Amino acid sequence: MQQRATTTLWRPTGPEELDLVRESEWRAWPPRLPEQPIFYPVLDEEYAIRIARDWNVPASGVGYVTRFEVDSEFLRRYPVQQAGGRTILELWVPAEELEEFNAHIVGRIEVVHEFR
């Protein structure tokens, strides 16, 4: 059986969201809050590091960068959004599609950086 191609994504996150990911056994992102209509995974590790270090640490004392794989064919429905410079690339996943997005995560979500 042929394995499907995957795309590596990163997600900067704070401690509350990470606790919910841990509760999912590292397999899913939690539902968005009402004031969060979009889920934003990013395509560049350095961009994720900047957000975790420069935004999450001041906001909550700690910032994490997670890495995970998603089925590449599924991701084609989300155009890459350039949110600034050349490497500031993200996907905009509507909150109502997050459950389906989670179903296309391959393997586990892993923490690759922690900043305090």
C-alpha atoms as a PDB file:
ATOM      1  CA  MET A   1       0.000   0.000   0.000  1.00  0.00           C
ATOM      2  CA  GLN A   2       1.383   3.371  -1.025  1.00  0.00           C
ATOM      3  CA  GLN A   3       1.782   5.977   1.690  1.00  0.00           C
ATOM      4  CA  ARG A   4       0.191   9.365   1.025  1.00  0.00           C
ATOM      5  CA  ALA A   5       2.398  12.421   0.742  1.00  0.00           C
ATOM      6  CA  THR A   6       2.345  14.742   3.738  1.00  0.00           C
ATOM      7  CA  THR A   7       3.205  18.386   4.330  1.00  0.00           C
ATOM      8  CA  THR A   8       5.004  19.533   7.475  1.00  0.00           C
ATOM      9  CA  LEU A   9       3.283  22.372   9.311  1.00  0.00           C
ATOM     10  CA  TRP A  10       4.192  24.263  12.473  1.00  0.00           C
ATOM     11  CA  ARG A  11       1.965  25.894  15.062  1.00  0.00           C
ATOM     12  CA  PRO A  12       3.126  28.348  17.709  1.00  0.00           C
ATOM     13  CA  THR A  13       1.004  27.890  20.801  1.00  0.00           C
ATOM     14  CA  GLY A  14       0.613  28.799  24.435  1.00  0.00           C
ATOM     15  CA  PRO A  15       0.159  26.523  27.446  1.00  0.00           C
ATOM     16  CA  GLU A  16      -3.658  26.354  27.431  1.00  0.00           C
ATOM     17  CA  GLU A  17      -3.908  25.186  23.831  1.00  0.00           C
ATOM     18  CA  LEU A  18      -1.010  22.763  24.334  1.00  0.00           C
ATOM     19  CA  ASP A  19      -2.798  21.196  27.322  1.00  0.00           C
ATOM     20  CA  LEU A  20      -5.800  20.496  25.080  1.00  0.00           C
ATOM     21  CA  VAL A  21      -3.553  18.971  22.391  1.00  0.00           C
ATOM     22  CA  ARG A  22      -2.008  16.742  25.085  1.00  0.00           C
ATOM     23  CA  GLU A  23      -5.536  15.657  26.135  1.00  0.00           C
ATOM     24  CA  SER A  24      -6.139  14.549  22.518  1.00  0.00           C
ATOM     25  CA  GLU A  25      -3.078  12.289  22.876  1.00  0.00           C
ATOM     26  CA  TRP A  26      -1.192  14.645  20.518  1.00  0.00           C
ATOM     27  CA  ARG A  27      -3.531  13.931  17.594  1.00  0.00           C
ATOM     28  CA  ALA A  28      -5.812  16.982  17.250  1.00  0.00           C
ATOM     29  CA  TRP A  29      -6.135  20.721  17.681  1.00  0.00           C
ATOM     30  CA  PRO A  30      -8.904  21.903  19.995  1.00  0.00           C
ATOM     31  CA  PRO A  31     -12.008  23.664  18.661  1.00  0.00           C
ATOM     32  CA  ARG A  32     -11.603  27.390  18.195  1.00  0.00           C
ATOM     33  CA  LEU A  33     -13.069  29.818  20.689  1.00  0.00           C
ATOM     34  CA  PRO A  34     -15.857  32.124  19.426  1.00  0.00           C
ATOM     35  CA  GLU A  35     -13.341  34.941  18.915  1.00  0.00           C
ATOM     36  CA  GLN A  36     -11.082  32.612  16.861  1.00  0.00           C
ATOM     37  CA  PRO A  37     -12.829  32.017  13.529  1.00  0.00           C
ATOM     38  CA  ILE A  38      -9.634  30.795  11.813  1.00  0.00           C
ATOM     39  CA  PHE A  39      -6.961  28.204  12.709  1.00  0.00           C
ATOM     40  CA  TYR A  40      -3.539  29.333  11.467  1.00  0.00           C
ATOM     41  CA  PRO A  41      -0.858  26.678  11.004  1.00  0.00           C
ATOM     42  CA  VAL A  42       2.333  28.069   9.456  1.00  0.00           C
ATOM     43  CA  LEU A  43       4.639  26.744   6.754  1.00  0.00           C
ATOM     44  CA  ASP A  44       7.942  28.027   8.110  1.00  0.00           C
ATOM     45  CA  GLU A  45       9.582  26.931  11.353  1.00  0.00           C
ATOM     46  CA  GLU A  46      11.424  30.238  11.862  1.00  0.00           C
ATOM     47  CA  TYR A  47       8.147  32.162  11.596  1.00  0.00           C
ATOM     48  CA  ALA A  48       6.586  29.837  14.206  1.00  0.00           C
ATOM     49  CA  ILE A  49       9.583  30.387  16.495  1.00  0.00           C
ATOM     50  CA  ARG A  50       9.223  34.177  16.232  1.00  0.00           C
ATOM     51  CA  ILE A  51       5.531  34.016  17.166  1.00  0.00           C
ATOM     52  CA  ALA A  52       6.073  31.615  20.092  1.00  0.00           C
ATOM     53  CA  ARG A  53       9.014  33.607  21.454  1.00  0.00           C
ATOM     54  CA  ASP A  54       7.792  37.156  20.769  1.00  0.00           C
ATOM     55  CA  TRP A  55       4.009  36.806  21.276  1.00  0.00           C
ATOM     56  CA  ASN A  56       3.238  33.718  23.369  1.00  0.00           C
ATOM     57  CA  VAL A  57       5.955  34.273  26.001  1.00  0.00           C
ATOM     58  CA  PRO A  58       4.864  37.853  26.843  1.00  0.00           C
ATOM     59  CA  ALA A  59       1.187  36.799  26.779  1.00  0.00           C
ATOM     60  CA  SER A  60       1.432  33.664  28.927  1.00  0.00           C
ATOM     61  CA  GLY A  61       4.998  33.228  30.165  1.00  0.00           C
ATOM     62  CA  VAL A  62       5.767  30.330  27.841  1.00  0.00           C
ATOM     63  CA  GLY A  63       5.578  29.676  24.115  1.00  0.00           C
ATOM     64  CA  TYR A  64       5.818  26.395  22.257  1.00  0.00           C
ATOM     65  CA  VAL A  65       6.423  25.493  18.636  1.00  0.00           C
ATOM     66  CA  THR A  66       4.744  22.308  17.481  1.00  0.00           C
ATOM     67  CA  ARG A  67       5.337  20.357  14.291  1.00  0.00           C
ATOM     68  CA  PHE A  68       2.925  17.985  12.592  1.00  0.00           C
ATOM     69  CA  GLU A  69       2.218  16.332   9.256  1.00  0.00           C
ATOM     70  CA  VAL A  70      -0.989  16.687   7.257  1.00  0.00           C
ATOM     71  CA  ASP A  71      -2.124  14.854   4.136  1.00  0.00           C
ATOM     72  CA  SER A  72      -0.857  17.032   1.262  1.00  0.00           C
ATOM     73  CA  GLU A  73      -3.785  16.278  -1.043  1.00  0.00           C
ATOM     74  CA  PHE A  74      -6.248  17.465   1.615  1.00  0.00           C
ATOM     75  CA  LEU A  75      -4.259  20.686   2.195  1.00  0.00           C
ATOM     76  CA  ARG A  76      -4.666  21.733  -1.442  1.00  0.00           C
ATOM     77  CA  ARG A  77      -8.058  23.222  -0.526  1.00  0.00           C
ATOM     78  CA  TYR A  78      -6.306  25.918   1.561  1.00  0.00           C
ATOM     79  CA  PRO A  79      -4.335  28.446  -0.485  1.00  0.00           C
ATOM     80  CA  VAL A  80      -1.076  29.558   1.095  1.00  0.00           C
ATOM     81  CA  GLN A  81      -1.487  33.038   2.576  1.00  0.00           C
ATOM     82  CA  GLN A  82       1.486  35.392   2.683  1.00  0.00           C
ATOM     83  CA  ALA A  83       1.016  37.372   5.902  1.00  0.00           C
ATOM     84  CA  GLY A  84       4.024  39.639   5.509  1.00  0.00           C
ATOM     85  CA  GLY A  85       7.523  38.767   4.326  1.00  0.00           C
ATOM     86  CA  ARG A  86       8.583  36.025   1.953  1.00  0.00           C
ATOM     87  CA  THR A  87       8.683  33.352   4.681  1.00  0.00           C
ATOM     88  CA  ILE A  88       5.607  34.515   6.619  1.00  0.00           C
ATOM     89  CA  LEU A  89       3.335  31.883   5.147  1.00  0.00           C
ATOM     90  CA  GLU A  90       0.282  30.363   6.764  1.00  0.00           C
ATOM     91  CA  LEU A  91      -2.856  28.427   5.992  1.00  0.00           C
ATOM     92  CA  TRP A  92      -6.244  29.795   7.003  1.00  0.00           C
ATOM     93  CA  VAL A  93      -8.472  26.935   8.123  1.00  0.00           C
ATOM     94  CA  PRO A  94     -12.028  28.041   9.016  1.00  0.00           C
ATOM     95  CA  ALA A  95     -12.976  26.982  12.549  1.00  0.00           C
ATOM     96  CA  GLU A  96     -15.893  24.923  11.255  1.00  0.00           C
ATOM     97  CA  GLU A  97     -13.441  22.799   9.192  1.00  0.00           C
ATOM     98  CA  LEU A  98     -10.984  22.103  12.016  1.00  0.00           C
ATOM     99  CA  GLU A  99     -12.445  18.703  12.894  1.00  0.00           C
ATOM    100  CA  GLU A 100     -11.988  17.555   9.290  1.00  0.00           C
ATOM    101  CA  PHE A 101      -8.489  19.107   9.242  1.00  0.00           C
ATOM    102  CA  ASN A 102      -7.623  17.134  12.392  1.00  0.00           C
ATOM    103  CA  ALA A 103      -8.787  13.929  10.712  1.00  0.00           C
ATOM    104  CA  HIS A 104      -6.074  14.472   8.075  1.00  0.00           C
ATOM    105  CA  ILE A 105      -3.191  14.864  10.549  1.00  0.00           C
ATOM    106  CA  VAL A 106      -0.767  11.992   9.987  1.00  0.00           C
ATOM    107  CA  GLY A 107       0.944  10.790  13.153  1.00  0.00           C
ATOM    108  CA  ARG A 108       1.271  12.942  16.258  1.00  0.00           C
ATOM    109  CA  ILE A 109       1.700  16.618  16.991  1.00  0.00           C
ATOM    110  CA  GLU A 110       5.092  17.149  18.620  1.00  0.00           C
ATOM    111  CA  VAL A 111       6.650  19.999  20.571  1.00  0.00           C
ATOM    112  CA  VAL A 112       9.938  21.002  18.936  1.00  0.00           C
ATOM    113  CA  HIS A 113      10.761  24.268  20.782  1.00  0.00           C
ATOM    114  CA  GLU A 114       9.911  25.830  24.123  1.00  0.00           C
ATOM    115  CA  PHE A 115      10.570  29.437  25.147  1.00  0.00           C
ATOM    116  CA  ARG A 116      10.194  31.078  28.559  1.00  0.00           C
END
